[in-house]
Amino acid sequence: SNVRTIARRLLTKRGSKACTSILVA
């Protein structure tokens, strides 16, 4: 759960433009 939380925080900082298409997949 710690790793998952860290990953979520990093992706939130990167923002939607960098992540959206990959998350949809």
PDB file of all heavy atoms in Angstrom:
ATOM      1  N   SER A   1       0.829  -1.214   0.000  1.00  0.00           N
ATOM      2  CA  SER A   1       0.000   0.000   0.000  1.00  0.00           C
ATOM      3  C   SER A   1       0.858   1.256   0.000  1.00  0.00           C
ATOM      4  O   SER A   1       0.472   2.282  -0.569  1.00  0.00           O
ATOM      5  CB  SER A   1      -0.944   0.002   1.209  1.00  0.00           C
ATOM      6  OG  SER A   1      -0.207   0.011   2.415  1.00  0.00           O
ATOM      7  N   ASN A   2       2.032   1.194   0.634  1.00  0.00           N
ATOM      8  CA  ASN A   2       2.932   2.346   0.652  1.00  0.00           C
ATOM      9  C   ASN A   2       3.423   2.672  -0.747  1.00  0.00           C
ATOM     10  O   ASN A   2       3.487   3.848  -1.143  1.00  0.00           O
ATOM     11  CB  ASN A   2       4.125   2.082   1.566  1.00  0.00           C
ATOM     12  CG  ASN A   2       3.755   2.134   3.038  1.00  0.00           C
ATOM     13  OD1 ASN A   2       2.844   2.859   3.429  1.00  0.00           O
ATOM     14  ND2 ASN A   2       4.433   1.364   3.862  1.00  0.00           N
ATOM     15  N   VAL A   3       3.787   1.646  -1.498  1.00  0.00           N
ATOM     16  CA  VAL A   3       4.254   1.860  -2.868  1.00  0.00           C
ATOM     17  C   VAL A   3       3.123   2.440  -3.716  1.00  0.00           C
ATOM     18  O   VAL A   3       3.326   3.374  -4.502  1.00  0.00           O
ATOM     19  CB  VAL A   3       4.770   0.540  -3.480  1.00  0.00           C
ATOM     20  CG1 VAL A   3       5.094   0.726  -4.965  1.00  0.00           C
ATOM     21  CG2 VAL A   3       5.994   0.040  -2.736  1.00  0.00           C
ATOM     22  N   ARG A   4       1.921   1.912  -3.561  1.00  0.00           N
ATOM     23  CA  ARG A   4       0.776   2.417  -4.335  1.00  0.00           C
ATOM     24  C   ARG A   4       0.501   3.882  -4.020  1.00  0.00           C
ATOM     25  O   ARG A   4       0.228   4.688  -4.924  1.00  0.00           O
ATOM     26  CB  ARG A   4      -0.483   1.580  -4.044  1.00  0.00           C
ATOM     27  CG  ARG A   4      -0.370   0.130  -4.455  1.00  0.00           C
ATOM     28  CD  ARG A   4      -1.740  -0.542  -4.515  1.00  0.00           C
ATOM     29  NE  ARG A   4      -2.455  -0.518  -3.251  1.00  0.00           N
ATOM     30  CZ  ARG A   4      -2.361  -1.449  -2.307  1.00  0.00           C
ATOM     31  NH1 ARG A   4      -1.543  -2.476  -2.478  1.00  0.00           N
ATOM     32  NH2 ARG A   4      -3.064  -1.360  -1.196  1.00  0.00           N
ATOM     33  N   THR A   5       0.592   4.225  -2.745  1.00  0.00           N
ATOM     34  CA  THR A   5       0.341   5.614  -2.334  1.00  0.00           C
ATOM     35  C   THR A   5       1.371   6.556  -2.932  1.00  0.00           C
ATOM     36  O   THR A   5       1.034   7.645  -3.425  1.00  0.00           O
ATOM     37  CB  THR A   5       0.348   5.729  -0.798  1.00  0.00           C
ATOM     38  OG1 THR A   5      -0.671   4.892  -0.259  1.00  0.00           O
ATOM     39  CG2 THR A   5       0.117   7.161  -0.352  1.00  0.00           C
ATOM     40  N   ILE A   6       2.634   6.144  -2.892  1.00  0.00           N
ATOM     41  CA  ILE A   6       3.710   6.966  -3.449  1.00  0.00           C
ATOM     42  C   ILE A   6       3.496   7.176  -4.948  1.00  0.00           C
ATOM     43  O   ILE A   6       3.633   8.288  -5.465  1.00  0.00           O
ATOM     44  CB  ILE A   6       5.077   6.306  -3.181  1.00  0.00           C
ATOM     45  CG1 ILE A   6       5.389   6.331  -1.683  1.00  0.00           C
ATOM     46  CG2 ILE A   6       6.183   7.016  -3.960  1.00  0.00           C
ATOM     47  CD1 ILE A   6       6.580   5.483  -1.281  1.00  0.00           C
ATOM     48  N   ALA A   7       3.148   6.105  -5.653  1.00  0.00           N
ATOM     49  CA  ALA A   7       2.935   6.198  -7.096  1.00  0.00           C
ATOM     50  C   ALA A   7       1.793   7.156  -7.420  1.00  0.00           C
ATOM     51  O   ALA A   7       1.881   7.975  -8.352  1.00  0.00           O
ATOM     52  CB  ALA A   7       2.653   4.815  -7.666  1.00  0.00           C
ATOM     53  N   ARG A   8       0.718   7.079  -6.655  1.00  0.00           N
ATOM     54  CA  ARG A   8      -0.427   7.983  -6.868  1.00  0.00           C
ATOM     55  C   ARG A   8      -0.006   9.441  -6.679  1.00  0.00           C
ATOM     56  O   ARG A   8      -0.398  10.315  -7.455  1.00  0.00           O
ATOM     57  CB  ARG A   8      -1.560   7.657  -5.893  1.00  0.00           C
ATOM     58  CG  ARG A   8      -2.403   6.462  -6.294  1.00  0.00           C
ATOM     59  CD  ARG A   8      -3.390   6.133  -5.179  1.00  0.00           C
ATOM     60  NE  ARG A   8      -4.252   7.260  -4.895  1.00  0.00           N
ATOM     61  CZ  ARG A   8      -5.507   7.363  -5.327  1.00  0.00           C
ATOM     62  NH1 ARG A   8      -6.031   6.405  -6.070  1.00  0.00           N
ATOM     63  NH2 ARG A   8      -6.235   8.413  -5.025  1.00  0.00           N
ATOM     64  N   ARG A   9       0.792   9.703  -5.658  1.00  0.00           N
ATOM     65  CA  ARG A   9       1.234  11.072  -5.391  1.00  0.00           C
ATOM     66  C   ARG A   9       2.098  11.601  -6.538  1.00  0.00           C
ATOM     67  O   ARG A   9       1.957  12.750  -6.962  1.00  0.00           O
ATOM     68  CB  ARG A   9       2.019  11.116  -4.083  1.00  0.00           C
ATOM     69  CG  ARG A   9       1.154  10.937  -2.841  1.00  0.00           C
ATOM     70  CD  ARG A   9       2.014  10.840  -1.605  1.00  0.00           C
ATOM     71  NE  ARG A   9       1.209  10.646  -0.393  1.00  0.00           N
ATOM     72  CZ  ARG A   9       1.730  10.308   0.776  1.00  0.00           C
ATOM     73  NH1 ARG A   9       3.041  10.129   0.914  1.00  0.00           N
ATOM     74  NH2 ARG A   9       0.944  10.146   1.832  1.00  0.00           N
ATOM     75  N   LEU A  10       2.981  10.753  -7.033  1.00  0.00           N
ATOM     76  CA  LEU A  10       3.863  11.174  -8.127  1.00  0.00           C
ATOM     77  C   LEU A  10       3.064  11.474  -9.395  1.00  0.00           C
ATOM     78  O   LEU A  10       3.319  12.463 -10.090  1.00  0.00           O
ATOM     79  CB  LEU A  10       4.895  10.074  -8.415  1.00  0.00           C
ATOM     80  CG  LEU A  10       5.970   9.859  -7.351  1.00  0.00           C
ATOM     81  CD1 LEU A  10       6.834   8.665  -7.716  1.00  0.00           C
ATOM     82  CD2 LEU A  10       6.834  11.106  -7.195  1.00  0.00           C
ATOM     83  N   LEU A  11       2.092  10.621  -9.687  1.00  0.00           N
ATOM     84  CA  LEU A  11       1.285  10.832 -10.880  1.00  0.00           C
ATOM     85  C   LEU A  11       0.402  12.070 -10.753  1.00  0.00           C
ATOM     86  O   LEU A  11       0.176  12.786 -11.727  1.00  0.00           O
ATOM     87  CB  LEU A  11       0.420   9.593 -11.150  1.00  0.00           C
ATOM     88  CG  LEU A  11       1.205   8.354 -11.602  1.00  0.00           C
ATOM     89  CD1 LEU A  11       0.332   7.115 -11.531  1.00  0.00           C
ATOM     90  CD2 LEU A  11       1.745   8.537 -13.013  1.00  0.00           C
ATOM     91  N   THR A  12      -0.068  12.322  -9.546  1.00  0.00           N
ATOM     92  CA  THR A  12      -0.874  13.526  -9.310  1.00  0.00           C
ATOM     93  C   THR A  12      -0.046  14.776  -9.568  1.00  0.00           C
ATOM     94  O   THR A  12      -0.527  15.748 -10.165  1.00  0.00           O
ATOM     95  CB  THR A  12      -1.413  13.532  -7.860  1.00  0.00           C
ATOM     96  OG1 THR A  12      -2.209  12.364  -7.643  1.00  0.00           O
ATOM     97  CG2 THR A  12      -2.260  14.761  -7.603  1.00  0.00           C
ATOM     98  N   LYS A  13       1.210  14.737  -9.148  1.00  0.00           N
ATOM     99  CA  LYS A  13       2.100  15.884  -9.384  1.00  0.00           C
ATOM    100  C   LYS A  13       2.405  16.064 -10.872  1.00  0.00           C
ATOM    101  O   LYS A  13       2.537  17.181 -11.356  1.00  0.00           O
ATOM    102  CB  LYS A  13       3.403  15.696  -8.608  1.00  0.00           C
ATOM    103  CG  LYS A  13       3.267  15.932  -7.112  1.00  0.00           C
ATOM    104  CD  LYS A  13       4.610  15.860  -6.420  1.00  0.00           C
ATOM    105  CE  LYS A  13       4.470  16.161  -4.926  1.00  0.00           C
ATOM    106  NZ  LYS A  13       5.783  16.114  -4.232  1.00  0.00           N
ATOM    107  N   ARG A  14       2.532  14.950 -11.573  1.00  0.00           N
ATOM    108  CA  ARG A  14       2.825  15.042 -13.009  1.00  0.00           C
ATOM    109  C   ARG A  14       1.649  15.641 -13.781  1.00  0.00           C
ATOM    110  O   ARG A  14       1.828  16.282 -14.801  1.00  0.00           O
ATOM    111  CB  ARG A  14       3.167  13.671 -13.570  1.00  0.00           C
ATOM    112  CG  ARG A  14       4.534  13.163 -13.122  1.00  0.00           C
ATOM    113  CD  ARG A  14       4.995  12.004 -13.960  1.00  0.00           C
ATOM    114  NE  ARG A  14       6.365  11.629 -13.646  1.00  0.00           N
ATOM    115  CZ  ARG A  14       7.092  10.786 -14.374  1.00  0.00           C
ATOM    116  NH1 ARG A  14       6.574  10.236 -15.451  1.00  0.00           N
ATOM    117  NH2 ARG A  14       8.334  10.496 -14.027  1.00  0.00           N
ATOM    118  N   GLY A  15       0.450  15.395 -13.313  1.00  0.00           N
ATOM    119  CA  GLY A  15      -0.733  15.986 -13.923  1.00  0.00           C
ATOM    120  C   GLY A  15      -1.353  15.148 -15.017  1.00  0.00           C
ATOM    121  O   GLY A  15      -0.785  14.167 -15.487  1.00  0.00           O
ATOM    122  N   SER A  16      -2.540  15.580 -15.442  1.00  0.00           N
ATOM    123  CA  SER A  16      -3.341  14.777 -16.364  1.00  0.00           C
ATOM    124  C   SER A  16      -2.727  14.666 -17.755  1.00  0.00           C
ATOM    125  O   SER A  16      -2.844  13.628 -18.404  1.00  0.00           O
ATOM    126  CB  SER A  16      -4.744  15.360 -16.468  1.00  0.00           C
ATOM    127  OG  SER A  16      -4.699  16.673 -17.003  1.00  0.00           O
ATOM    128  N   LYS A  17      -2.083  15.725 -18.245  1.00  0.00           N
ATOM    129  CA  LYS A  17      -1.548  15.697 -19.605  1.00  0.00           C
ATOM    130  C   LYS A  17      -0.536  14.572 -19.798  1.00  0.00           C
ATOM    131  O   LYS A  17      -0.466  13.962 -20.867  1.00  0.00           O
ATOM    132  CB  LYS A  17      -0.919  17.046 -19.949  1.00  0.00           C
ATOM    133  CG  LYS A  17      -1.940  18.160 -20.118  1.00  0.00           C
ATOM    134  CD  LYS A  17      -1.277  19.459 -20.535  1.00  0.00           C
ATOM    135  CE  LYS A  17      -2.315  20.554 -20.726  1.00  0.00           C
ATOM    136  NZ  LYS A  17      -1.685  21.848 -21.127  1.00  0.00           N
ATOM    137  N   ALA A  18       0.239  14.314 -18.766  1.00  0.00           N
ATOM    138  CA  ALA A  18       1.274  13.285 -18.878  1.00  0.00           C
ATOM    139  C   ALA A  18       0.730  11.879 -18.676  1.00  0.00           C
ATOM    140  O   ALA A  18       1.315  10.907 -19.143  1.00  0.00           O
ATOM    141  CB  ALA A  18       2.384  13.564 -17.854  1.00  0.00           C
ATOM    142  N   CYS A  19      -0.423  11.785 -17.974  1.00  0.00           N
ATOM    143  CA  CYS A  19      -0.870  10.464 -17.505  1.00  0.00           C
ATOM    144  C   CYS A  19      -2.156   9.933 -18.114  1.00  0.00           C
ATOM    145  O   CYS A  19      -2.369   8.716 -18.127  1.00  0.00           O
ATOM    146  CB  CYS A  19      -1.053  10.502 -15.985  1.00  0.00           C
ATOM    147  SG  CYS A  19       0.327  11.162 -15.060  1.00  0.00           S
ATOM    148  N   THR A  20      -3.027  10.803 -18.617  1.00  0.00           N
ATOM    149  CA  THR A  20      -4.391  10.398 -18.949  1.00  0.00           C
ATOM    150  C   THR A  20      -4.476   9.176 -19.858  1.00  0.00           C
ATOM    151  O   THR A  20      -5.152   8.189 -19.539  1.00  0.00           O
ATOM    152  CB  THR A  20      -5.156  11.568 -19.593  1.00  0.00           C
ATOM    153  OG1 THR A  20      -5.342  12.582 -18.604  1.00  0.00           O
ATOM    154  CG2 THR A  20      -6.526  11.118 -20.076  1.00  0.00           C
ATOM    155  N   SER A  21      -3.813   9.223 -21.004  1.00  0.00           N
ATOM    156  CA  SER A  21      -3.953   8.131 -21.971  1.00  0.00           C
ATOM    157  C   SER A  21      -3.458   6.805 -21.413  1.00  0.00           C
ATOM    158  O   SER A  21      -4.033   5.743 -21.688  1.00  0.00           O
ATOM    159  CB  SER A  21      -3.213   8.463 -23.264  1.00  0.00           C
ATOM    160  OG  SER A  21      -1.822   8.619 -23.015  1.00  0.00           O
ATOM    161  N   ILE A  22      -2.404   6.857 -20.600  1.00  0.00           N
ATOM    162  CA  ILE A  22      -1.856   5.629 -20.008  1.00  0.00           C
ATOM    163  C   ILE A  22      -2.795   5.097 -18.934  1.00  0.00           C
ATOM    164  O   ILE A  22      -3.019   3.889 -18.827  1.00  0.00           O
ATOM    165  CB  ILE A  22      -0.448   5.893 -19.429  1.00  0.00           C
ATOM    166  CG1 ILE A  22       0.489   6.310 -20.555  1.00  0.00           C
ATOM    167  CG2 ILE A  22       0.093   4.666 -18.711  1.00  0.00           C
ATOM    168  CD1 ILE A  22       1.811   6.838 -20.099  1.00  0.00           C
ATOM    169  N   LEU A  23      -3.388   5.994 -18.159  1.00  0.00           N
ATOM    170  CA  LEU A  23      -4.331   5.568 -17.127  1.00  0.00           C
ATOM    171  C   LEU A  23      -5.575   4.927 -17.739  1.00  0.00           C
ATOM    172  O   LEU A  23      -6.086   3.928 -17.229  1.00  0.00           O
ATOM    173  CB  LEU A  23      -4.732   6.768 -16.260  1.00  0.00           C
ATOM    174  CG  LEU A  23      -3.656   7.332 -15.333  1.00  0.00           C
ATOM    175  CD1 LEU A  23      -4.120   8.647 -14.722  1.00  0.00           C
ATOM    176  CD2 LEU A  23      -3.295   6.336 -14.235  1.00  0.00           C
ATOM    177  N   VAL A  24      -6.063   5.510 -18.837  1.00  0.00           N
ATOM    178  CA  VAL A  24      -7.250   4.959 -19.504  1.00  0.00           C
ATOM    179  C   VAL A  24      -7.013   3.507 -19.897  1.00  0.00           C
ATOM    180  O   VAL A  24      -7.907   2.656 -19.784  1.00  0.00           O
ATOM    181  CB  VAL A  24      -7.620   5.802 -20.742  1.00  0.00           C
ATOM    182  CG1 VAL A  24      -8.661   5.080 -21.601  1.00  0.00           C
ATOM    183  CG2 VAL A  24      -8.163   7.162 -20.312  1.00  0.00           C
ATOM    184  N   ALA A  25      -5.806   3.208 -20.321  1.00  0.00           N
ATOM    185  CA  ALA A  25      -5.481   1.847 -20.756  1.00  0.00           C
ATOM    186  C   ALA A  25      -5.503   0.838 -19.620  1.00  0.00           C
ATOM    187  O   ALA A  25      -5.514  -0.371 -19.854  1.00  0.00           O
ATOM    188  CB  ALA A  25      -4.110   1.835 -21.427  1.00  0.00           C
TER     189      ALA A  25
END
